Amino acid sequence: MAVLGFEHVGIQVANIEKSIQFYQEVVGLDLLDRFIHTDGDKDLAFLGVNGEIIVEFIEGYNPNLPDEGKVHHVAFKVDNIEEEQKRLDEAGVEWINKEITTLPNGAKYIFFRGPDQEWIEFFEK
């Protein structure tokens, strides 16, 4: 058995409309699919880029979990982290760490919060 690749990260959200809007307008993802789960209790939305799903939002589970109960963080590749930092600042995001961190291998990252206080990372190789 072999892993074929990455599918998506599922994030429990309190308000799926608010999360969709934030991830479209601030993060820059496209809404690729949305439907009610077959159990009728959960609203699902799938967002990504270039037709590939990256994030699934699930409204209808317990949205009151602590931040680390949803997911620690989800990271998105960017090609110019300095420009993205300025854009995010203009969008009024809540920063976890506004300062760009540069790793020994030259990769850079910053962290900010999503609508349910989840951690979002922008990462430049």
PDB file of N, CA and C in Angstrom:
ATOM      1  N   MET A   1       0.855  -1.183   0.000  1.00  0.00           N
ATOM      2  CA  MET A   1       0.000   0.000   0.000  1.00  0.00           C
ATOM      3  C   MET A   1       0.891   1.233   0.000  1.00  0.00           C
ATOM      4  N   ALA A   2       0.526   2.245  -0.777  1.00  0.00           N
ATOM      5  CA  ALA A   2       1.308   3.470  -0.846  1.00  0.00           C
ATOM      6  C   ALA A   2       0.395   4.682  -0.793  1.00  0.00           C
ATOM      7  N   VAL A   3       0.866   5.728  -0.158  1.00  0.00           N
ATOM      8  CA  VAL A   3       0.143   6.991  -0.159  1.00  0.00           C
ATOM      9  C   VAL A   3       0.285   7.596  -1.551  1.00  0.00           C
ATOM     10  N   LEU A   4      -0.823   8.023  -2.113  1.00  0.00           N
ATOM     11  CA  LEU A   4      -0.815   8.570  -3.462  1.00  0.00           C
ATOM     12  C   LEU A   4      -0.639  10.082  -3.486  1.00  0.00           C
ATOM     13  N   GLY A   5      -0.842  10.741  -2.364  1.00  0.00           N
ATOM     14  CA  GLY A   5      -0.712  12.189  -2.315  1.00  0.00           C
ATOM     15  C   GLY A   5      -1.580  12.758  -1.213  1.00  0.00           C
ATOM     16  N   PHE A   6      -1.576  14.042  -1.114  1.00  0.00           N
ATOM     17  CA  PHE A   6      -2.358  14.738  -0.099  1.00  0.00           C
ATOM     18  C   PHE A   6      -3.754  15.011  -0.636  1.00  0.00           C
ATOM     19  N   GLU A   7      -4.778  14.748   0.171  1.00  0.00           N
ATOM     20  CA  GLU A   7      -6.156  14.994  -0.250  1.00  0.00           C
ATOM     21  C   GLU A   7      -6.651  16.343   0.268  1.00  0.00           C
ATOM     22  N   HIS A   8      -6.840  16.484   1.576  1.00  0.00           N
ATOM     23  CA  HIS A   8      -7.297  17.749   2.137  1.00  0.00           C
ATOM     24  C   HIS A   8      -7.207  17.723   3.654  1.00  0.00           C
ATOM     25  N   VAL A   9      -7.376  18.899   4.259  1.00  0.00           N
ATOM     26  CA  VAL A   9      -7.476  19.040   5.710  1.00  0.00           C
ATOM     27  C   VAL A   9      -8.923  19.383   6.010  1.00  0.00           C
ATOM     28  N   GLY A  10      -9.526  18.674   6.954  1.00  0.00           N
ATOM     29  CA  GLY A  10     -10.887  18.970   7.386  1.00  0.00           C
ATOM     30  C   GLY A  10     -10.851  19.846   8.625  1.00  0.00           C
ATOM     31  N   ILE A  11     -11.584  20.958   8.589  1.00  0.00           N
ATOM     32  CA  ILE A  11     -11.610  21.891   9.712  1.00  0.00           C
ATOM     33  C   ILE A  11     -13.053  22.082  10.156  1.00  0.00           C
ATOM     34  N   GLN A  12     -13.309  21.853  11.445  1.00  0.00           N
ATOM     35  CA  GLN A  12     -14.625  22.123  11.993  1.00  0.00           C
ATOM     36  C   GLN A  12     -14.784  23.628  12.147  1.00  0.00           C
ATOM     37  N   VAL A  13     -15.909  24.153  11.676  1.00  0.00           N
ATOM     38  CA  VAL A  13     -16.146  25.590  11.747  1.00  0.00           C
ATOM     39  C   VAL A  13     -17.502  25.876  12.378  1.00  0.00           C
ATOM     40  N   ALA A  14     -17.610  27.043  12.992  1.00  0.00           N
ATOM     41  CA  ALA A  14     -18.865  27.451  13.616  1.00  0.00           C
ATOM     42  C   ALA A  14     -19.825  28.033  12.587  1.00  0.00           C
ATOM     43  N   ASN A  15     -19.288  28.771  11.598  1.00  0.00           N
ATOM     44  CA  ASN A  15     -20.112  29.445  10.602  1.00  0.00           C
ATOM     45  C   ASN A  15     -19.470  29.226   9.240  1.00  0.00           C
ATOM     46  N   ILE A  16     -20.022  28.319   8.468  1.00  0.00           N
ATOM     47  CA  ILE A  16     -19.412  27.937   7.195  1.00  0.00           C
ATOM     48  C   ILE A  16     -19.392  29.106   6.199  1.00  0.00           C
ATOM     49  N   GLU A  17     -20.414  29.949   6.214  1.00  0.00           N
ATOM     50  CA  GLU A  17     -20.448  31.099   5.306  1.00  0.00           C
ATOM     51  C   GLU A  17     -19.275  32.037   5.592  1.00  0.00           C
ATOM     52  N   LYS A  18     -19.053  32.313   6.876  1.00  0.00           N
ATOM     53  CA  LYS A  18     -17.966  33.200   7.283  1.00  0.00           C
ATOM     54  C   LYS A  18     -16.614  32.600   6.893  1.00  0.00           C
ATOM     55  N   SER A  19     -16.446  31.302   7.076  1.00  0.00           N
ATOM     56  CA  SER A  19     -15.185  30.641   6.733  1.00  0.00           C
ATOM     57  C   SER A  19     -14.958  30.629   5.224  1.00  0.00           C
ATOM     58  N   ILE A  20     -15.997  30.345   4.454  1.00  0.00           N
ATOM     59  CA  ILE A  20     -15.863  30.360   2.991  1.00  0.00           C
ATOM     60  C   ILE A  20     -15.436  31.743   2.524  1.00  0.00           C
ATOM     61  N   GLN A  21     -16.101  32.766   3.011  1.00  0.00           N
ATOM     62  CA  GLN A  21     -15.785  34.137   2.605  1.00  0.00           C
ATOM     63  C   GLN A  21     -14.341  34.487   2.963  1.00  0.00           C
ATOM     64  N   PHE A  22     -13.920  34.171   4.191  1.00  0.00           N
ATOM     65  CA  PHE A  22     -12.557  34.481   4.634  1.00  0.00           C
ATOM     66  C   PHE A  22     -11.521  33.767   3.772  1.00  0.00           C
ATOM     67  N   TYR A  23     -11.713  32.478   3.546  1.00  0.00           N
ATOM     68  CA  TYR A  23     -10.721  31.714   2.776  1.00  0.00           C
ATOM     69  C   TYR A  23     -10.717  32.090   1.296  1.00  0.00           C
ATOM     70  N   GLN A  24     -11.823  32.592   0.781  1.00  0.00           N
ATOM     71  CA  GLN A  24     -11.841  33.085  -0.598  1.00  0.00           C
ATOM     72  C   GLN A  24     -11.175  34.463  -0.675  1.00  0.00           C
ATOM     73  N   GLU A  25     -11.604  35.383   0.172  1.00  0.00           N
ATOM     74  CA  GLU A  25     -11.164  36.774   0.063  1.00  0.00           C
ATOM     75  C   GLU A  25      -9.782  37.019   0.648  1.00  0.00           C
ATOM     76  N   VAL A  26      -9.433  36.361   1.743  1.00  0.00           N
ATOM     77  CA  VAL A  26      -8.166  36.632   2.409  1.00  0.00           C
ATOM     78  C   VAL A  26      -7.088  35.630   2.018  1.00  0.00           C
ATOM     79  N   VAL A  27      -7.412  34.335   2.062  1.00  0.00           N
ATOM     80  CA  VAL A  27      -6.417  33.314   1.732  1.00  0.00           C
ATOM     81  C   VAL A  27      -6.251  33.183   0.222  1.00  0.00           C
ATOM     82  N   GLY A  28      -7.340  33.316  -0.536  1.00  0.00           N
ATOM     83  CA  GLY A  28      -7.260  33.252  -1.990  1.00  0.00           C
ATOM     84  C   GLY A  28      -7.637  31.914  -2.593  1.00  0.00           C
ATOM     85  N   LEU A  29      -8.413  31.109  -1.859  1.00  0.00           N
ATOM     86  CA  LEU A  29      -8.855  29.821  -2.391  1.00  0.00           C
ATOM     87  C   LEU A  29     -10.167  29.980  -3.158  1.00  0.00           C
ATOM     88  N   ASP A  30     -10.462  28.995  -4.001  1.00  0.00           N
ATOM     89  CA  ASP A  30     -11.721  28.944  -4.740  1.00  0.00           C
ATOM     90  C   ASP A  30     -12.651  27.938  -4.077  1.00  0.00           C
ATOM     91  N   LEU A  31     -13.945  28.255  -4.059  1.00  0.00           N
ATOM     92  CA  LEU A  31     -14.948  27.292  -3.605  1.00  0.00           C
ATOM     93  C   LEU A  31     -15.160  26.294  -4.735  1.00  0.00           C
ATOM     94  N   LEU A  32     -14.833  25.020  -4.495  1.00  0.00           N
ATOM     95  CA  LEU A  32     -14.892  24.002  -5.539  1.00  0.00           C
ATOM     96  C   LEU A  32     -16.137  23.133  -5.458  1.00  0.00           C
ATOM     97  N   ASP A  33     -16.672  22.953  -4.250  1.00  0.00           N
ATOM     98  CA  ASP A  33     -17.867  22.119  -4.093  1.00  0.00           C
ATOM     99  C   ASP A  33     -18.485  22.433  -2.740  1.00  0.00           C
ATOM    100  N   ARG A  34     -19.791  22.214  -2.638  1.00  0.00           N
ATOM    101  CA  ARG A  34     -20.486  22.429  -1.375  1.00  0.00           C
ATOM    102  C   ARG A  34     -21.769  21.614  -1.396  1.00  0.00           C
ATOM    103  N   PHE A  35     -22.047  20.950  -0.274  1.00  0.00           N
ATOM    104  CA  PHE A  35     -23.280  20.174  -0.170  1.00  0.00           C
ATOM    105  C   PHE A  35     -23.544  19.800   1.276  1.00  0.00           C
ATOM    106  N   ILE A  36     -24.762  19.329   1.520  1.00  0.00           N
ATOM    107  CA  ILE A  36     -25.143  18.805   2.830  1.00  0.00           C
ATOM    108  C   ILE A  36     -24.748  17.332   2.866  1.00  0.00           C
ATOM    109  N   HIS A  37     -24.129  16.909   3.958  1.00  0.00           N
ATOM    110  CA  HIS A  37     -23.731  15.512   4.131  1.00  0.00           C
ATOM    111  C   HIS A  37     -24.962  14.623   4.040  1.00  0.00           C
ATOM    112  N   THR A  38     -24.773  13.384   3.683  1.00  0.00           N
ATOM    113  CA  THR A  38     -25.899  12.459   3.551  1.00  0.00           C
ATOM    114  C   THR A  38     -26.651  12.252   4.864  1.00  0.00           C
ATOM    115  N   ASP A  39     -26.014  12.533   6.013  1.00  0.00           N
ATOM    116  CA  ASP A  39     -26.725  12.404   7.286  1.00  0.00           C
ATOM    117  C   ASP A  39     -27.657  13.588   7.538  1.00  0.00           C
ATOM    118  N   GLY A  40     -27.560  14.630   6.699  1.00  0.00           N
ATOM    119  CA  GLY A  40     -28.439  15.787   6.811  1.00  0.00           C
ATOM    120  C   GLY A  40     -28.067  16.759   7.913  1.00  0.00           C
ATOM    121  N   ASP A  41     -27.059  16.436   8.708  1.00  0.00           N
ATOM    122  CA  ASP A  41     -26.692  17.260   9.864  1.00  0.00           C
ATOM    123  C   ASP A  41     -25.482  18.151   9.637  1.00  0.00           C
ATOM    124  N   LYS A  42     -24.738  17.929   8.582  1.00  0.00           N
ATOM    125  CA  LYS A  42     -23.500  18.661   8.394  1.00  0.00           C
ATOM    126  C   LYS A  42     -23.466  19.337   7.026  1.00  0.00           C
ATOM    127  N   ASP A  43     -23.060  20.613   7.044  1.00  0.00           N
ATOM    128  CA  ASP A  43     -22.860  21.379   5.816  1.00  0.00           C
ATOM    129  C   ASP A  43     -21.384  21.290   5.486  1.00  0.00           C
ATOM    130  N   LEU A  44     -21.049  20.884   4.269  1.00  0.00           N
ATOM    131  CA  LEU A  44     -19.662  20.700   3.859  1.00  0.00           C
ATOM    132  C   LEU A  44     -19.319  21.640   2.714  1.00  0.00           C
ATOM    133  N   ALA A  45     -18.094  22.189   2.756  1.00  0.00           N
ATOM    134  CA  ALA A  45     -17.590  23.030   1.673  1.00  0.00           C
ATOM    135  C   ALA A  45     -16.149  22.639   1.405  1.00  0.00           C
ATOM    136  N   PHE A  46     -15.788  22.598   0.138  1.00  0.00           N
ATOM    137  CA  PHE A  46     -14.444  22.184  -0.276  1.00  0.00           C
ATOM    138  C   PHE A  46     -13.813  23.325  -1.066  1.00  0.00           C
ATOM    139  N   LEU A  47     -12.657  23.785  -0.612  1.00  0.00           N
ATOM    140  CA  LEU A  47     -11.963  24.898  -1.253  1.00  0.00           C
ATOM    141  C   LEU A  47     -10.560  24.477  -1.653  1.00  0.00           C
ATOM    142  N   GLY A  48     -10.031  25.120  -2.703  1.00  0.00           N
ATOM    143  CA  GLY A  48      -8.688  24.780  -3.148  1.00  0.00           C
ATOM    144  C   GLY A  48      -8.224  25.713  -4.241  1.00  0.00           C
ATOM    145  N   VAL A  49      -7.238  25.253  -4.992  1.00  0.00           N
ATOM    146  CA  VAL A  49      -6.682  26.012  -6.110  1.00  0.00           C
ATOM    147  C   VAL A  49      -6.513  25.093  -7.305  1.00  0.00           C
ATOM    148  N   ASN A  50      -6.639  25.666  -8.489  1.00  0.00           N
ATOM    149  CA  ASN A  50      -6.455  24.909  -9.738  1.00  0.00           C
ATOM    150  C   ASN A  50      -7.270  23.618  -9.769  1.00  0.00           C
ATOM    151  N   GLY A  51      -8.466  23.663  -9.195  1.00  0.00           N
ATOM    152  CA  GLY A  51      -9.345  22.504  -9.205  1.00  0.00           C
ATOM    153  C   GLY A  51      -8.998  21.422  -8.204  1.00  0.00           C
ATOM    154  N   GLU A  52      -7.950  21.619  -7.404  1.00  0.00           N
ATOM    155  CA  GLU A  52      -7.524  20.636  -6.409  1.00  0.00           C
ATOM    156  C   GLU A  52      -7.993  21.072  -5.027  1.00  0.00           C
ATOM    157  N   ILE A  53      -8.701  20.195  -4.332  1.00  0.00           N
ATOM    158  CA  ILE A  53      -9.204  20.492  -2.995  1.00  0.00           C
ATOM    159  C   ILE A  53      -8.043  20.494  -2.003  1.00  0.00           C
ATOM    160  N   ILE A  54      -8.036  21.502  -1.130  1.00  0.00           N
ATOM    161  CA  ILE A  54      -7.035  21.605  -0.072  1.00  0.00           C
ATOM    162  C   ILE A  54      -7.702  21.545   1.295  1.00  0.00           C
ATOM    163  N   VAL A  55      -8.839  22.245   1.436  1.00  0.00           N
ATOM    164  CA  VAL A  55      -9.499  22.392   2.732  1.00  0.00           C
ATOM    165  C   VAL A  55     -10.962  21.975   2.620  1.00  0.00           C
ATOM    166  N   GLU A  56     -11.424  21.235   3.619  1.00  0.00           N
ATOM    167  CA  GLU A  56     -12.847  20.922   3.752  1.00  0.00           C
ATOM    168  C   GLU A  56     -13.334  21.575   5.035  1.00  0.00           C
ATOM    169  N   PHE A  57     -14.412  22.377   4.941  1.00  0.00           N
ATOM    170  CA  PHE A  57     -15.042  22.942   6.121  1.00  0.00           C
ATOM    171  C   PHE A  57     -16.240  22.083   6.472  1.00  0.00           C
ATOM    172  N   ILE A  58     -16.415  21.858   7.767  1.00  0.00           N
ATOM    173  CA  ILE A  58     -17.520  21.045   8.261  1.00  0.00           C
ATOM    174  C   ILE A  58     -18.256  21.849   9.325  1.00  0.00           C
ATOM    175  N   GLU A  59     -19.485  22.225   9.034  1.00  0.00           N
ATOM    176  CA  GLU A  59     -20.326  22.885  10.029  1.00  0.00           C
ATOM    177  C   GLU A  59     -21.365  21.873  10.475  1.00  0.00           C
ATOM    178  N   GLY A  60     -21.466  21.666  11.787  1.00  0.00           N
ATOM    179  CA  GLY A  60     -22.453  20.730  12.292  1.00  0.00           C
ATOM    180  C   GLY A  60     -21.885  19.758  13.311  1.00  0.00           C
ATOM    181  N   TYR A  61     -20.562  19.664  13.398  1.00  0.00           N
ATOM    182  CA  TYR A  61     -19.931  18.950  14.509  1.00  0.00           C
ATOM    183  C   TYR A  61     -19.885  19.914  15.683  1.00  0.00           C
ATOM    184  N   ASN A  62     -19.043  19.653  16.645  1.00  0.00           N
ATOM    185  CA  ASN A  62     -18.890  20.544  17.794  1.00  0.00           C
ATOM    186  C   ASN A  62     -17.957  21.700  17.426  1.00  0.00           C
ATOM    187  N   PRO A  63     -18.478  22.921  17.237  1.00  0.00           N
ATOM    188  CA  PRO A  63     -17.615  24.052  16.880  1.00  0.00           C
ATOM    189  C   PRO A  63     -16.938  24.688  18.087  1.00  0.00           C
ATOM    190  N   ASN A  64     -17.198  24.167  19.285  1.00  0.00           N
ATOM    191  CA  ASN A  64     -16.675  24.780  20.500  1.00  0.00           C
ATOM    192  C   ASN A  64     -15.400  24.113  21.006  1.00  0.00           C
ATOM    193  N   LEU A  65     -14.732  23.358  20.163  1.00  0.00           N
ATOM    194  CA  LEU A  65     -13.474  22.754  20.556  1.00  0.00           C
ATOM    195  C   LEU A  65     -12.410  23.826  20.730  1.00  0.00           C
ATOM    196  N   PRO A  66     -11.409  23.540  21.571  1.00  0.00           N
ATOM    197  CA  PRO A  66     -10.299  24.497  21.657  1.00  0.00           C
ATOM    198  C   PRO A  66      -9.589  24.573  20.311  1.00  0.00           C
ATOM    199  N   ASP A  67      -8.811  25.647  20.110  1.00  0.00           N
ATOM    200  CA  ASP A  67      -8.128  25.851  18.831  1.00  0.00           C
ATOM    201  C   ASP A  67      -7.382  24.611  18.380  1.00  0.00           C
ATOM    202  N   GLU A  68      -6.635  23.980  19.290  1.00  0.00           N
ATOM    203  CA  GLU A  68      -5.852  22.812  18.899  1.00  0.00           C
ATOM    204  C   GLU A  68      -6.718  21.581  18.658  1.00  0.00           C
ATOM    205  N   GLY A  69      -8.025  21.665  18.973  1.00  0.00           N
ATOM    206  CA  GLY A  69      -8.924  20.554  18.717  1.00  0.00           C
ATOM    207  C   GLY A  69      -9.456  20.548  17.296  1.00  0.00           C
ATOM    208  N   LYS A  70      -9.361  21.672  16.618  1.00  0.00           N
ATOM    209  CA  LYS A  70      -9.827  21.744  15.233  1.00  0.00           C
ATOM    210  C   LYS A  70      -8.746  21.173  14.324  1.00  0.00           C
ATOM    211  N   VAL A  71      -7.598  21.782  14.361  1.00  0.00           N
ATOM    212  CA  VAL A  71      -6.417  21.353  13.609  1.00  0.00           C
ATOM    213  C   VAL A  71      -5.318  22.310  14.072  1.00  0.00           C
ATOM    214  N   HIS A  72      -4.079  21.877  14.175  1.00  0.00           N
ATOM    215  CA  HIS A  72      -3.053  22.808  14.668  1.00  0.00           C
ATOM    216  C   HIS A  72      -2.852  23.952  13.700  1.00  0.00           C
ATOM    217  N   HIS A  73      -2.578  23.637  12.437  1.00  0.00           N
ATOM    218  CA  HIS A  73      -2.493  24.682  11.419  1.00  0.00           C
ATOM    219  C   HIS A  73      -2.599  24.042  10.049  1.00  0.00           C
ATOM    220  N   VAL A  74      -2.931  24.872   9.090  1.00  0.00           N
ATOM    221  CA  VAL A  74      -2.929  24.465   7.694  1.00  0.00           C
ATOM    222  C   VAL A  74      -2.004  25.445   6.985  1.00  0.00           C
ATOM    223  N   ALA A  75      -1.121  24.915   6.133  1.00  0.00           N
ATOM    224  CA  ALA A  75      -0.117  25.743   5.466  1.00  0.00           C
ATOM    225  C   ALA A  75      -0.395  25.815   3.968  1.00  0.00           C
ATOM    226  N   PHE A  76      -0.229  27.004   3.420  1.00  0.00           N
ATOM    227  CA  PHE A  76      -0.422  27.246   1.996  1.00  0.00           C
ATOM    228  C   PHE A  76       0.882  27.779   1.402  1.00  0.00           C
ATOM    229  N   LYS A  77       1.243  27.242   0.242  1.00  0.00           N
ATOM    230  CA  LYS A  77       2.436  27.713  -0.464  1.00  0.00           C
ATOM    231  C   LYS A  77       2.149  29.067  -1.092  1.00  0.00           C
ATOM    232  N   VAL A  78       3.109  29.997  -0.961  1.00  0.00           N
ATOM    233  CA  VAL A  78       3.030  31.292  -1.626  1.00  0.00           C
ATOM    234  C   VAL A  78       4.367  31.551  -2.308  1.00  0.00           C
ATOM    235  N   ASP A  79       4.383  32.466  -3.274  1.00  0.00           N
ATOM    236  CA  ASP A  79       5.640  32.709  -3.977  1.00  0.00           C
ATOM    237  C   ASP A  79       6.340  33.990  -3.548  1.00  0.00           C
ATOM    238  N   ASN A  80       5.664  34.886  -2.810  1.00  0.00           N
ATOM    239  CA  ASN A  80       6.310  36.091  -2.305  1.00  0.00           C
ATOM    240  C   ASN A  80       5.705  36.427  -0.952  1.00  0.00           C
ATOM    241  N   ILE A  81       6.335  35.956   0.097  1.00  0.00           N
ATOM    242  CA  ILE A  81       5.754  36.084   1.432  1.00  0.00           C
ATOM    243  C   ILE A  81       5.692  37.538   1.903  1.00  0.00           C
ATOM    244  N   GLU A  82       6.631  38.359   1.460  1.00  0.00           N
ATOM    245  CA  GLU A  82       6.607  39.768   1.849  1.00  0.00           C
ATOM    246  C   GLU A  82       5.371  40.471   1.287  1.00  0.00           C
ATOM    247  N   GLU A  83       5.049  40.215   0.028  1.00  0.00           N
ATOM    248  CA  GLU A  83       3.843  40.791  -0.568  1.00  0.00           C
ATOM    249  C   GLU A  83       2.594  40.265   0.117  1.00  0.00           C
ATOM    250  N   GLU A  84       2.586  38.974   0.432  1.00  0.00           N
ATOM    251  CA  GLU A  84       1.424  38.383   1.103  1.00  0.00           C
ATOM    252  C   GLU A  84       1.253  38.962   2.503  1.00  0.00           C
ATOM    253  N   GLN A  85       2.358  39.214   3.191  1.00  0.00           N
ATOM    254  CA  GLN A  85       2.293  39.811   4.525  1.00  0.00           C
ATOM    255  C   GLN A  85       1.619  41.185   4.454  1.00  0.00           C
ATOM    256  N   LYS A  86       1.993  41.998   3.488  1.00  0.00           N
ATOM    257  CA  LYS A  86       1.387  43.322   3.313  1.00  0.00           C
ATOM    258  C   LYS A  86      -0.097  43.202   2.981  1.00  0.00           C
ATOM    259  N   ARG A  87      -0.437  42.277   2.078  1.00  0.00           N
ATOM    260  CA  ARG A  87      -1.840  42.086   1.679  1.00  0.00           C
ATOM    261  C   ARG A  87      -2.683  41.640   2.861  1.00  0.00           C
ATOM    262  N   LEU A  88      -2.154  40.707   3.650  1.00  0.00           N
ATOM    263  CA  LEU A  88      -2.884  40.220   4.819  1.00  0.00           C
ATOM    264  C   LEU A  88      -3.065  41.323   5.856  1.00  0.00           C
ATOM    265  N   ASP A  89      -2.038  42.140   6.028  1.00  0.00           N
ATOM    266  CA  ASP A  89      -2.118  43.252   6.965  1.00  0.00           C
ATOM    267  C   ASP A  89      -3.222  44.209   6.537  1.00  0.00           C
ATOM    268  N   GLU A  90      -3.292  44.506   5.238  1.00  0.00           N
ATOM    269  CA  GLU A  90      -4.340  45.379   4.714  1.00  0.00           C
ATOM    270  C   GLU A  90      -5.726  44.754   4.878  1.00  0.00           C
ATOM    271  N   ALA A  91      -5.790  43.422   4.854  1.00  0.00           N
ATOM    272  CA  ALA A  91      -7.068  42.724   5.039  1.00  0.00           C
ATOM    273  C   ALA A  91      -7.484  42.679   6.507  1.00  0.00           C
ATOM    274  N   GLY A  92      -6.578  43.093   7.399  1.00  0.00           N
ATOM    275  CA  GLY A  92      -6.915  43.158   8.818  1.00  0.00           C
ATOM    276  C   GLY A  92      -6.929  41.827   9.533  1.00  0.00           C
ATOM    277  N   VAL A  93      -6.094  40.881   9.086  1.00  0.00           N
ATOM    278  CA  VAL A  93      -6.076  39.579   9.751  1.00  0.00           C
ATOM    279  C   VAL A  93      -5.562  39.714  11.179  1.00  0.00           C
ATOM    280  N   GLU A  94      -5.908  38.747  12.006  1.00  0.00           N
ATOM    281  CA  GLU A  94      -5.355  38.657  13.360  1.00  0.00           C
ATOM    282  C   GLU A  94      -4.060  37.854  13.274  1.00  0.00           C
ATOM    283  N   TRP A  95      -2.964  38.494  13.582  1.00  0.00           N
ATOM    284  CA  TRP A  95      -1.659  37.848  13.469  1.00  0.00           C
ATOM    285  C   TRP A  95      -1.365  36.976  14.677  1.00  0.00           C
ATOM    286  N   ILE A  96      -0.782  35.820  14.426  1.00  0.00           N
ATOM    287  CA  ILE A  96      -0.190  35.000  15.483  1.00  0.00           C
ATOM    288  C   ILE A  96       1.276  35.392  15.591  1.00  0.00           C
ATOM    289  N   ASN A  97       1.917  35.500  14.433  1.00  0.00           N
ATOM    290  CA  ASN A  97       3.298  35.960  14.358  1.00  0.00           C
ATOM    291  C   ASN A  97       3.447  36.716  13.045  1.00  0.00           C
ATOM    292  N   LYS A  98       3.374  38.047  13.124  1.00  0.00           N
ATOM    293  CA  LYS A  98       3.441  38.875  11.920  1.00  0.00           C
ATOM    294  C   LYS A  98       4.838  38.891  11.318  1.00  0.00           C
ATOM    295  N   GLU A  99       5.849  38.693  12.158  1.00  0.00           N
ATOM    296  CA  GLU A  99       7.223  38.711  11.673  1.00  0.00           C
ATOM    297  C   GLU A  99       7.491  37.454  10.846  1.00  0.00           C
ATOM    298  N   ILE A 100       8.135  37.640   9.718  1.00  0.00           N
ATOM    299  CA  ILE A 100       8.471  36.504   8.861  1.00  0.00           C
ATOM    300  C   ILE A 100       9.617  35.726   9.506  1.00  0.00           C
ATOM    301  N   THR A 101       9.421  34.428   9.657  1.00  0.00           N
ATOM    302  CA  THR A 101      10.460  33.547  10.178  1.00  0.00           C
ATOM    303  C   THR A 101      11.169  32.910   8.998  1.00  0.00           C
ATOM    304  N   THR A 102      12.496  32.948   9.019  1.00  0.00           N
ATOM    305  CA  THR A 102      13.296  32.305   7.976  1.00  0.00           C
ATOM    306  C   THR A 102      14.014  31.117   8.591  1.00  0.00           C
ATOM    307  N   LEU A 103      13.783  29.936   8.018  1.00  0.00           N
ATOM    308  CA  LEU A 103      14.394  28.705   8.507  1.00  0.00           C
ATOM    309  C   LEU A 103      15.807  28.540   7.954  1.00  0.00           C
ATOM    310  N   PRO A 104      16.618  27.648   8.545  1.00  0.00           N
ATOM    311  CA  PRO A 104      17.985  27.439   8.054  1.00  0.00           C
ATOM    312  C   PRO A 104      18.064  27.054   6.580  1.00  0.00           C
ATOM    313  N   ASN A 105      17.019  26.415   6.052  1.00  0.00           N
ATOM    314  CA  ASN A 105      17.038  26.024   4.634  1.00  0.00           C
ATOM    315  C   ASN A 105      16.567  27.141   3.707  1.00  0.00           C
ATOM    316  N   GLY A 106      16.280  28.329   4.266  1.00  0.00           N
ATOM    317  CA  GLY A 106      15.862  29.471   3.468  1.00  0.00           C
ATOM    318  C   GLY A 106      14.354  29.629   3.338  1.00  0.00           C
ATOM    319  N   ALA A 107      13.581  28.634   3.741  1.00  0.00           N
ATOM    320  CA  ALA A 107      12.125  28.740   3.689  1.00  0.00           C
ATOM    321  C   ALA A 107      11.659  29.799   4.690  1.00  0.00           C
ATOM    322  N   LYS A 108      10.528  30.451   4.357  1.00  0.00           N
ATOM    323  CA  LYS A 108       9.995  31.515   5.202  1.00  0.00           C
ATOM    324  C   LYS A 108       8.520  31.244   5.487  1.00  0.00           C
ATOM    325  N   TYR A 109       8.063  31.700   6.670  1.00  0.00           N
ATOM    326  CA  TYR A 109       6.649  31.537   6.978  1.00  0.00           C
ATOM    327  C   TYR A 109       6.144  32.610   7.932  1.00  0.00           C
ATOM    328  N   ILE A 110       4.804  32.787   7.918  1.00  0.00           N
ATOM    329  CA  ILE A 110       4.083  33.637   8.854  1.00  0.00           C
ATOM    330  C   ILE A 110       2.789  32.919   9.237  1.00  0.00           C
ATOM    331  N   PHE A 111       2.260  33.254  10.414  1.00  0.00           N
ATOM    332  CA  PHE A 111       1.022  32.661  10.906  1.00  0.00           C
ATOM    333  C   PHE A 111      -0.016  33.732  11.207  1.00  0.00           C
ATOM    334  N   PHE A 112      -1.273  33.448  10.842  1.00  0.00           N
ATOM    335  CA  PHE A 112      -2.401  34.301  11.199  1.00  0.00           C
ATOM    336  C   PHE A 112      -3.601  33.418  11.498  1.00  0.00           C
ATOM    337  N   ARG A 113      -4.645  34.025  12.046  1.00  0.00           N
ATOM    338  CA  ARG A 113      -5.832  33.265  12.460  1.00  0.00           C
ATOM    339  C   ARG A 113      -6.950  33.350  11.425  1.00  0.00           C
ATOM    340  N   GLY A 114      -7.692  32.225  11.326  1.00  0.00           N
ATOM    341  CA  GLY A 114      -8.911  32.185  10.537  1.00  0.00           C
ATOM    342  C   GLY A 114     -10.102  32.555  11.394  1.00  0.00           C
ATOM    343  N   PRO A 115     -11.302  32.499  10.849  1.00  0.00           N
ATOM    344  CA  PRO A 115     -12.502  32.938  11.557  1.00  0.00           C
ATOM    345  C   PRO A 115     -12.823  32.144  12.817  1.00  0.00           C
ATOM    346  N   ASP A 116     -12.367  30.892  12.917  1.00  0.00           N
ATOM    347  CA  ASP A 116     -12.612  30.090  14.115  1.00  0.00           C
ATOM    348  C   ASP A 116     -11.350  29.968  14.955  1.00  0.00           C
ATOM    349  N   GLN A 117     -10.449  30.923  14.810  1.00  0.00           N
ATOM    350  CA  GLN A 117      -9.191  30.976  15.550  1.00  0.00           C
ATOM    351  C   GLN A 117      -8.196  29.898  15.138  1.00  0.00           C
ATOM    352  N   GLU A 118      -8.476  29.203  14.026  1.00  0.00           N
ATOM    353  CA  GLU A 118      -7.521  28.214  13.534  1.00  0.00           C
ATOM    354  C   GLU A 118      -6.271  28.924  13.031  1.00  0.00           C
ATOM    355  N   TRP A 119      -5.150  28.253  13.133  1.00  0.00           N
ATOM    356  CA  TRP A 119      -3.886  28.823  12.675  1.00  0.00           C
ATOM    357  C   TRP A 119      -3.718  28.556  11.184  1.00  0.00           C
ATOM    358  N   ILE A 120      -3.368  29.609  10.439  1.00  0.00           N
ATOM    359  CA  ILE A 120      -3.105  29.499   9.006  1.00  0.00           C
ATOM    360  C   ILE A 120      -1.670  29.952   8.779  1.00  0.00           C
ATOM    361  N   GLU A 121      -0.942  29.160   8.029  1.00  0.00           N
ATOM    362  CA  GLU A 121       0.450  29.488   7.704  1.00  0.00           C
ATOM    363  C   GLU A 121       0.585  29.767   6.221  1.00  0.00           C
ATOM    364  N   PHE A 122       1.283  30.839   5.878  1.00  0.00           N
ATOM    365  CA  PHE A 122       1.730  31.055   4.500  1.00  0.00           C
ATOM    366  C   PHE A 122       3.204  30.715   4.486  1.00  0.00           C
ATOM    367  N   PHE A 123       3.605  29.895   3.520  1.00  0.00           N
ATOM    368  CA  PHE A 123       4.927  29.289   3.492  1.00  0.00           C
ATOM    369  C   PHE A 123       5.548  29.505   2.113  1.00  0.00           C
ATOM    370  N   GLU A 124       6.765  30.032   2.105  1.00  0.00           N
ATOM    371  CA  GLU A 124       7.511  30.220   0.861  1.00  0.00           C
ATOM    372  C   GLU A 124       8.785  29.396   0.923  1.00  0.00           C
ATOM    373  N   LYS A 125       8.966  28.512  -0.062  1.00  0.00           N
ATOM    374  CA  LYS A 125      10.189  27.686  -0.098  1.00  0.00           C
ATOM    375  C   LYS A 125      11.396  28.534  -0.438  1.00  0.00           C
TER     376      LYS A 125
END
